Structures are given as C-alpha cells and as structure tokens.
Amino acid sequence: MGALDDYLTTLEASTRAAFEHIRDVAMEVAPGAEQGRSYGLAALKLDGRPLLGFRVARQHLGIFPFSAAPIDAVRDRLAGFDVAKGTIRFTAAKLPPDDVVRDVVGLRIAEIERPPDARRNG
C-alpha cells in the first residue's frame, strides 16, 4: 500500500469509490505514477514530482494537479463544477468526466516532462 491507498481506506465507501475511479483514470494516462504525499495531500507522483492530489473537504471532494494551467485548459468543459485556480471540486455523486481527468493528467505530465529551463521560462 502507498500513501494514497492508505488515505482512501479512511474514507466513507462512496467517497473512496469516487477517488478510486479518478485514480484509475489517471493511472491509464500515467501508468508509471507512484503513490506519495505532496503539499500535505495524498497524491500520485511522477518522476518524484506531484501529479495529482486528492482531498476531502466538508462539502466536496477535490483533485489538485499542482498547477493552474491544466485546469485552465479544461475549464470550459467543467460546467456545473466548482473550479478554482488549482482544484476541481465535485461530489461522489457527480464526478468530473473521465476525458477531462485524462486531459488534466496528460497536461500535467507534459509540464513535468518539460526541461527545467522551459518550466522556468514558461
């Protein structure tokens, strides 16, 4: 077990199932991702860098790609969801669409894989 699985075992069944689904969709795009923690969140990491974080709040669930750019790129496809600079908020009854999750993860992977000079210079 890893940090994300450990976190999921603490959650109520429908919340756990929602996050497990999102984790599985993310792993389709990033099969080499590993479980860990980043910025206090249970997360998937790629090459030691944070890829996608998971957190339960009182009124919602949230996923965090640790960057605003992937969210900005899919914002128009998230009507009906609460979207902030660094997170997509949702409920266990209404998950973000799988294709949006795949795109967010793919965009974050592209950021991670960019050479350090390109990341620093935008």
N, C-alpha and C. Protein backbone atom coordinates (compact mmCIF):
# COMPACT_ATOMS: atom_id res chain seq x y z
N MET A 1 0.84 -1.20 0.00
CA MET A 1 0.00 0.00 0.00
C MET A 1 0.87 1.25 0.00
N GLY A 2 0.33 2.29 -0.58
CA GLY A 2 1.02 3.56 -0.58
C GLY A 2 0.20 4.61 0.12
N ALA A 3 0.72 5.83 0.12
CA ALA A 3 0.06 6.92 0.85
C ALA A 3 -1.36 7.18 0.35
N LEU A 4 -1.59 7.07 -0.95
CA LEU A 4 -2.94 7.31 -1.47
C LEU A 4 -3.88 6.19 -1.04
N ASP A 5 -3.44 4.95 -1.20
CA ASP A 5 -4.29 3.83 -0.76
C ASP A 5 -4.58 3.92 0.74
N ASP A 6 -3.57 4.29 1.52
CA ASP A 6 -3.77 4.45 2.96
C ASP A 6 -4.85 5.50 3.23
N TYR A 7 -4.78 6.61 2.52
CA TYR A 7 -5.77 7.68 2.68
C TYR A 7 -7.16 7.18 2.30
N LEU A 8 -7.24 6.47 1.18
CA LEU A 8 -8.55 6.00 0.70
C LEU A 8 -9.21 5.05 1.69
N THR A 9 -8.43 4.27 2.41
CA THR A 9 -9.02 3.34 3.37
C THR A 9 -9.70 4.06 4.53
N THR A 10 -9.39 5.33 4.73
CA THR A 10 -10.00 6.09 5.83
C THR A 10 -11.33 6.72 5.43
N LEU A 11 -11.70 6.63 4.17
CA LEU A 11 -12.86 7.35 3.65
C LEU A 11 -14.11 6.50 3.63
N GLU A 12 -15.25 7.17 3.68
CA GLU A 12 -16.56 6.54 3.53
C GLU A 12 -16.62 5.89 2.14
N ALA A 13 -17.40 4.83 2.01
CA ALA A 13 -17.39 3.99 0.81
C ALA A 13 -17.62 4.74 -0.50
N SER A 14 -18.61 5.62 -0.57
CA SER A 14 -18.88 6.31 -1.84
C SER A 14 -17.77 7.29 -2.18
N THR A 15 -17.19 7.93 -1.18
CA THR A 15 -16.07 8.83 -1.41
C THR A 15 -14.85 8.05 -1.89
N ARG A 16 -14.59 6.94 -1.22
CA ARG A 16 -13.47 6.08 -1.60
C ARG A 16 -13.64 5.61 -3.04
N ALA A 17 -14.83 5.18 -3.39
CA ALA A 17 -15.09 4.69 -4.76
C ALA A 17 -14.87 5.81 -5.79
N ALA A 18 -15.29 7.02 -5.46
CA ALA A 18 -15.11 8.15 -6.38
C ALA A 18 -13.63 8.41 -6.62
N PHE A 19 -12.86 8.48 -5.54
CA PHE A 19 -11.43 8.72 -5.69
C PHE A 19 -10.71 7.55 -6.35
N GLU A 20 -11.13 6.33 -6.05
CA GLU A 20 -10.53 5.17 -6.71
C GLU A 20 -10.75 5.23 -8.22
N HIS A 21 -11.94 5.65 -8.62
CA HIS A 21 -12.23 5.79 -10.05
C HIS A 21 -11.31 6.83 -10.68
N ILE A 22 -11.19 7.98 -10.06
CA ILE A 22 -10.33 9.02 -10.61
C ILE A 22 -8.87 8.56 -10.64
N ARG A 23 -8.43 7.89 -9.57
CA ARG A 23 -7.07 7.35 -9.55
C ARG A 23 -6.86 6.39 -10.72
N ASP A 24 -7.82 5.51 -10.95
CA ASP A 24 -7.69 4.53 -12.04
C ASP A 24 -7.64 5.22 -13.40
N VAL A 25 -8.45 6.25 -13.60
CA VAL A 25 -8.42 7.00 -14.86
C VAL A 25 -7.06 7.68 -15.02
N ALA A 26 -6.56 8.28 -13.96
CA ALA A 26 -5.25 8.94 -14.00
C ALA A 26 -4.15 7.93 -14.32
N MET A 27 -4.24 6.75 -13.76
CA MET A 27 -3.22 5.72 -13.99
C MET A 27 -3.24 5.19 -15.42
N GLU A 28 -4.38 5.31 -16.11
CA GLU A 28 -4.42 4.95 -17.53
C GLU A 28 -3.47 5.84 -18.32
N VAL A 29 -3.42 7.12 -17.94
CA VAL A 29 -2.59 8.10 -18.64
C VAL A 29 -1.16 8.08 -18.12
N ALA A 30 -0.99 7.76 -16.85
CA ALA A 30 0.32 7.79 -16.21
C ALA A 30 0.59 6.46 -15.50
N PRO A 31 0.76 5.38 -16.25
CA PRO A 31 0.92 4.08 -15.60
C PRO A 31 2.17 3.99 -14.71
N GLY A 32 3.13 4.86 -14.91
CA GLY A 32 4.33 4.86 -14.09
C GLY A 32 4.23 5.70 -12.84
N ALA A 33 3.07 6.31 -12.61
CA ALA A 33 2.91 7.16 -11.42
C ALA A 33 2.98 6.31 -10.16
N GLU A 34 3.49 6.93 -9.11
CA GLU A 34 3.61 6.27 -7.81
C GLU A 34 2.82 7.05 -6.77
N GLN A 35 2.44 6.35 -5.72
CA GLN A 35 1.73 7.00 -4.63
C GLN A 35 2.69 7.72 -3.71
N GLY A 36 2.23 8.82 -3.17
CA GLY A 36 3.04 9.57 -2.22
C GLY A 36 2.22 10.66 -1.59
N ARG A 37 2.92 11.65 -1.06
CA ARG A 37 2.27 12.82 -0.48
C ARG A 37 2.97 14.04 -1.06
N SER A 38 2.18 15.08 -1.25
CA SER A 38 2.75 16.34 -1.73
C SER A 38 1.90 17.48 -1.20
N TYR A 39 2.55 18.48 -0.66
CA TYR A 39 1.85 19.64 -0.11
C TYR A 39 0.75 19.21 0.87
N GLY A 40 1.03 18.16 1.62
CA GLY A 40 0.07 17.68 2.62
C GLY A 40 -1.06 16.83 2.09
N LEU A 41 -1.07 16.57 0.79
CA LEU A 41 -2.15 15.78 0.17
C LEU A 41 -1.65 14.39 -0.19
N ALA A 42 -2.54 13.40 -0.08
CA ALA A 42 -2.27 12.11 -0.69
C ALA A 42 -2.26 12.35 -2.19
N ALA A 43 -1.29 11.77 -2.88
CA ALA A 43 -1.11 12.14 -4.28
C ALA A 43 -0.52 11.02 -5.11
N LEU A 44 -0.67 11.19 -6.41
CA LEU A 44 0.11 10.44 -7.38
C LEU A 44 1.28 11.33 -7.75
N LYS A 45 2.44 10.71 -7.92
CA LYS A 45 3.65 11.45 -8.27
C LYS A 45 4.27 10.79 -9.49
N LEU A 46 4.92 11.59 -10.30
CA LEU A 46 5.61 11.10 -11.48
C LEU A 46 7.01 11.67 -11.47
N ASP A 47 7.98 10.80 -11.57
CA ASP A 47 9.39 11.22 -11.52
C ASP A 47 9.68 12.06 -10.28
N GLY A 48 9.03 11.70 -9.17
CA GLY A 48 9.25 12.40 -7.91
C GLY A 48 8.52 13.73 -7.79
N ARG A 49 7.80 14.12 -8.82
CA ARG A 49 7.08 15.40 -8.81
C ARG A 49 5.59 15.15 -8.66
N PRO A 50 4.87 16.05 -7.99
CA PRO A 50 3.43 15.85 -7.78
C PRO A 50 2.64 15.89 -9.08
N LEU A 51 1.78 14.92 -9.26
CA LEU A 51 0.97 14.81 -10.48
C LEU A 51 -0.49 15.15 -10.19
N LEU A 52 -1.09 14.51 -9.20
CA LEU A 52 -2.50 14.73 -8.91
C LEU A 52 -2.74 14.44 -7.43
N GLY A 53 -3.26 15.44 -6.71
CA GLY A 53 -3.57 15.28 -5.30
C GLY A 53 -5.05 15.06 -5.08
N PHE A 54 -5.38 14.46 -3.94
CA PHE A 54 -6.75 14.09 -3.58
C PHE A 54 -7.04 14.60 -2.17
N ARG A 55 -8.22 15.21 -2.00
CA ARG A 55 -8.58 15.68 -0.66
C ARG A 55 -10.09 15.75 -0.49
N VAL A 56 -10.54 15.38 0.69
CA VAL A 56 -11.94 15.51 1.08
C VAL A 56 -12.07 16.77 1.93
N ALA A 57 -13.04 17.59 1.59
CA ALA A 57 -13.40 18.75 2.40
C ALA A 57 -14.81 18.51 2.93
N ARG A 58 -15.28 19.39 3.75
CA ARG A 58 -16.58 19.20 4.38
C ARG A 58 -17.71 19.09 3.34
N GLN A 59 -17.70 19.93 2.34
CA GLN A 59 -18.81 19.99 1.39
C GLN A 59 -18.49 19.41 0.00
N HIS A 60 -17.25 18.96 -0.21
CA HIS A 60 -16.89 18.50 -1.55
C HIS A 60 -15.65 17.61 -1.50
N LEU A 61 -15.36 17.04 -2.64
CA LEU A 61 -14.10 16.32 -2.88
C LEU A 61 -13.29 17.19 -3.82
N GLY A 62 -12.00 17.04 -3.82
CA GLY A 62 -11.20 17.84 -4.72
C GLY A 62 -10.01 17.07 -5.26
N ILE A 63 -9.68 17.37 -6.51
CA ILE A 63 -8.43 16.90 -7.09
C ILE A 63 -7.60 18.12 -7.45
N PHE A 64 -6.30 17.97 -7.32
CA PHE A 64 -5.36 19.07 -7.47
C PHE A 64 -4.22 18.65 -8.40
N PRO A 65 -4.09 19.25 -9.57
CA PRO A 65 -2.97 18.91 -10.45
C PRO A 65 -1.69 19.68 -10.13
N PHE A 66 -1.66 20.41 -9.03
CA PHE A 66 -0.47 21.13 -8.58
C PHE A 66 -0.01 22.17 -9.60
N SER A 67 -0.94 22.65 -10.41
CA SER A 67 -0.66 23.67 -11.41
C SER A 67 -2.00 24.21 -11.91
N ALA A 68 -2.04 25.49 -12.18
CA ALA A 68 -3.27 26.09 -12.69
C ALA A 68 -3.48 25.82 -14.17
N ALA A 69 -2.41 25.64 -14.92
CA ALA A 69 -2.53 25.53 -16.38
C ALA A 69 -3.41 24.37 -16.85
N PRO A 70 -3.27 23.17 -16.31
CA PRO A 70 -4.16 22.09 -16.77
C PRO A 70 -5.64 22.39 -16.50
N ILE A 71 -5.92 23.01 -15.38
CA ILE A 71 -7.32 23.35 -15.07
C ILE A 71 -7.82 24.42 -16.03
N ASP A 72 -7.01 25.43 -16.27
CA ASP A 72 -7.40 26.49 -17.22
C ASP A 72 -7.72 25.90 -18.59
N ALA A 73 -6.97 24.88 -18.99
CA ALA A 73 -7.15 24.29 -20.32
C ALA A 73 -8.47 23.53 -20.46
N VAL A 74 -9.03 23.05 -19.36
CA VAL A 74 -10.28 22.27 -19.43
C VAL A 74 -11.45 22.97 -18.77
N ARG A 75 -11.24 24.16 -18.27
CA ARG A 75 -12.27 24.89 -17.51
C ARG A 75 -13.60 24.94 -18.25
N ASP A 76 -13.58 25.18 -19.55
CA ASP A 76 -14.83 25.30 -20.31
C ASP A 76 -15.59 23.98 -20.41
N ARG A 77 -14.96 22.87 -20.07
CA ARG A 77 -15.60 21.56 -20.11
C ARG A 77 -16.09 21.12 -18.73
N LEU A 78 -16.02 22.03 -17.76
CA LEU A 78 -16.41 21.69 -16.40
C LEU A 78 -17.60 22.51 -15.91
N ALA A 79 -18.52 22.78 -16.80
CA ALA A 79 -19.75 23.48 -16.39
C ALA A 79 -20.44 22.65 -15.32
N GLY A 80 -20.90 23.31 -14.28
CA GLY A 80 -21.58 22.62 -13.20
C GLY A 80 -20.65 22.16 -12.09
N PHE A 81 -19.35 22.37 -12.25
CA PHE A 81 -18.38 22.03 -11.22
C PHE A 81 -17.79 23.31 -10.66
N ASP A 82 -17.37 23.25 -9.42
CA ASP A 82 -16.69 24.38 -8.80
C ASP A 82 -15.20 24.24 -9.14
N VAL A 83 -14.72 25.17 -9.93
CA VAL A 83 -13.34 25.11 -10.39
C VAL A 83 -12.60 26.35 -9.89
N ALA A 84 -11.46 26.12 -9.26
CA ALA A 84 -10.63 27.21 -8.78
C ALA A 84 -9.28 27.14 -9.48
N LYS A 85 -8.41 28.04 -9.13
CA LYS A 85 -7.10 28.12 -9.78
C LYS A 85 -6.36 26.78 -9.76
N GLY A 86 -6.41 26.07 -8.64
CA GLY A 86 -5.63 24.86 -8.53
C GLY A 86 -6.39 23.60 -8.22
N THR A 87 -7.73 23.65 -8.34
CA THR A 87 -8.51 22.47 -7.96
C THR A 87 -9.81 22.36 -8.75
N ILE A 88 -10.27 21.12 -8.83
CA ILE A 88 -11.60 20.83 -9.35
C ILE A 88 -12.36 20.21 -8.19
N ARG A 89 -13.48 20.83 -7.81
CA ARG A 89 -14.30 20.35 -6.70
C ARG A 89 -15.54 19.64 -7.25
N PHE A 90 -15.93 18.56 -6.59
CA PHE A 90 -17.04 17.75 -7.06
C PHE A 90 -17.59 16.94 -5.90
N THR A 91 -18.59 16.13 -6.17
CA THR A 91 -19.15 15.25 -5.15
C THR A 91 -19.00 13.80 -5.61
N ALA A 92 -19.19 12.89 -4.69
CA ALA A 92 -19.11 11.47 -5.03
C ALA A 92 -20.22 11.09 -6.02
N ALA A 93 -21.31 11.83 -6.01
CA ALA A 93 -22.43 11.55 -6.92
C ALA A 93 -22.22 12.14 -8.30
N LYS A 94 -21.31 13.12 -8.43
CA LYS A 94 -21.09 13.77 -9.72
C LYS A 94 -19.60 14.03 -9.90
N LEU A 95 -18.94 13.07 -10.55
CA LEU A 95 -17.50 13.15 -10.78
C LEU A 95 -17.21 13.95 -12.05
N PRO A 96 -16.02 14.55 -12.12
CA PRO A 96 -15.64 15.18 -13.39
C PRO A 96 -15.56 14.10 -14.47
N PRO A 97 -15.86 14.46 -15.71
CA PRO A 97 -15.83 13.47 -16.80
C PRO A 97 -14.44 12.83 -16.94
N ASP A 98 -14.44 11.55 -17.26
CA ASP A 98 -13.17 10.82 -17.42
C ASP A 98 -12.25 11.49 -18.43
N ASP A 99 -12.81 11.96 -19.55
CA ASP A 99 -11.94 12.56 -20.57
C ASP A 99 -11.29 13.84 -20.05
N VAL A 100 -11.97 14.57 -19.18
CA VAL A 100 -11.38 15.77 -18.58
C VAL A 100 -10.26 15.38 -17.63
N VAL A 101 -10.49 14.37 -16.81
CA VAL A 101 -9.44 13.89 -15.90
C VAL A 101 -8.22 13.44 -16.71
N ARG A 102 -8.46 12.69 -17.77
CA ARG A 102 -7.34 12.25 -18.62
C ARG A 102 -6.57 13.44 -19.18
N ASP A 103 -7.28 14.44 -19.64
CA ASP A 103 -6.62 15.61 -20.20
C ASP A 103 -5.84 16.39 -19.14
N VAL A 104 -6.41 16.56 -17.96
CA VAL A 104 -5.71 17.25 -16.87
C VAL A 104 -4.41 16.51 -16.54
N VAL A 105 -4.49 15.21 -16.41
CA VAL A 105 -3.31 14.42 -16.09
C VAL A 105 -2.29 14.49 -17.23
N GLY A 106 -2.75 14.39 -18.46
CA GLY A 106 -1.85 14.48 -19.60
C GLY A 106 -1.14 15.83 -19.68
N LEU A 107 -1.88 16.89 -19.42
CA LEU A 107 -1.28 18.23 -19.43
C LEU A 107 -0.27 18.39 -18.29
N ARG A 108 -0.59 17.83 -17.14
CA ARG A 108 0.35 17.90 -16.02
C ARG A 108 1.61 17.09 -16.32
N ILE A 109 1.45 15.94 -16.95
CA ILE A 109 2.62 15.14 -17.35
C ILE A 109 3.51 15.96 -18.28
N ALA A 110 2.90 16.64 -19.24
CA ALA A 110 3.68 17.46 -20.17
C ALA A 110 4.48 18.52 -19.41
N GLU A 111 3.87 19.11 -18.38
CA GLU A 111 4.59 20.10 -17.56
C GLU A 111 5.77 19.45 -16.84
N ILE A 112 5.53 18.29 -16.27
CA ILE A 112 6.58 17.59 -15.52
C ILE A 112 7.73 17.21 -16.43
N GLU A 113 7.41 16.80 -17.65
CA GLU A 113 8.44 16.33 -18.57
C GLU A 113 9.18 17.43 -19.31
N ARG A 114 8.67 18.66 -19.23
CA ARG A 114 9.38 19.77 -19.86
C ARG A 114 10.74 19.94 -19.22
N PRO A 115 11.75 20.30 -20.01
CA PRO A 115 13.07 20.55 -19.42
C PRO A 115 12.98 21.68 -18.39
N PRO A 116 13.82 21.62 -17.35
CA PRO A 116 13.75 22.65 -16.29
C PRO A 116 13.81 24.09 -16.82
N ASP A 117 14.62 24.36 -17.81
CA ASP A 117 14.70 25.73 -18.35
C ASP A 117 13.38 26.15 -18.96
N ALA A 118 12.69 25.25 -19.63
CA ALA A 118 11.41 25.57 -20.25
C ALA A 118 10.34 25.81 -19.18
N ARG A 119 10.40 25.06 -18.07
CA ARG A 119 9.44 25.26 -16.98
C ARG A 119 9.64 26.63 -16.37
N ARG A 120 10.86 27.02 -16.17
CA ARG A 120 11.16 28.29 -15.52
C ARG A 120 10.78 29.47 -16.41
N ASN A 121 10.92 29.31 -17.71
CA ASN A 121 10.65 30.41 -18.64
C ASN A 121 9.25 30.36 -19.23
N GLY A 122 8.41 29.51 -18.69
CA GLY A 122 7.03 29.47 -19.13
C GLY A 122 6.82 28.57 -20.26
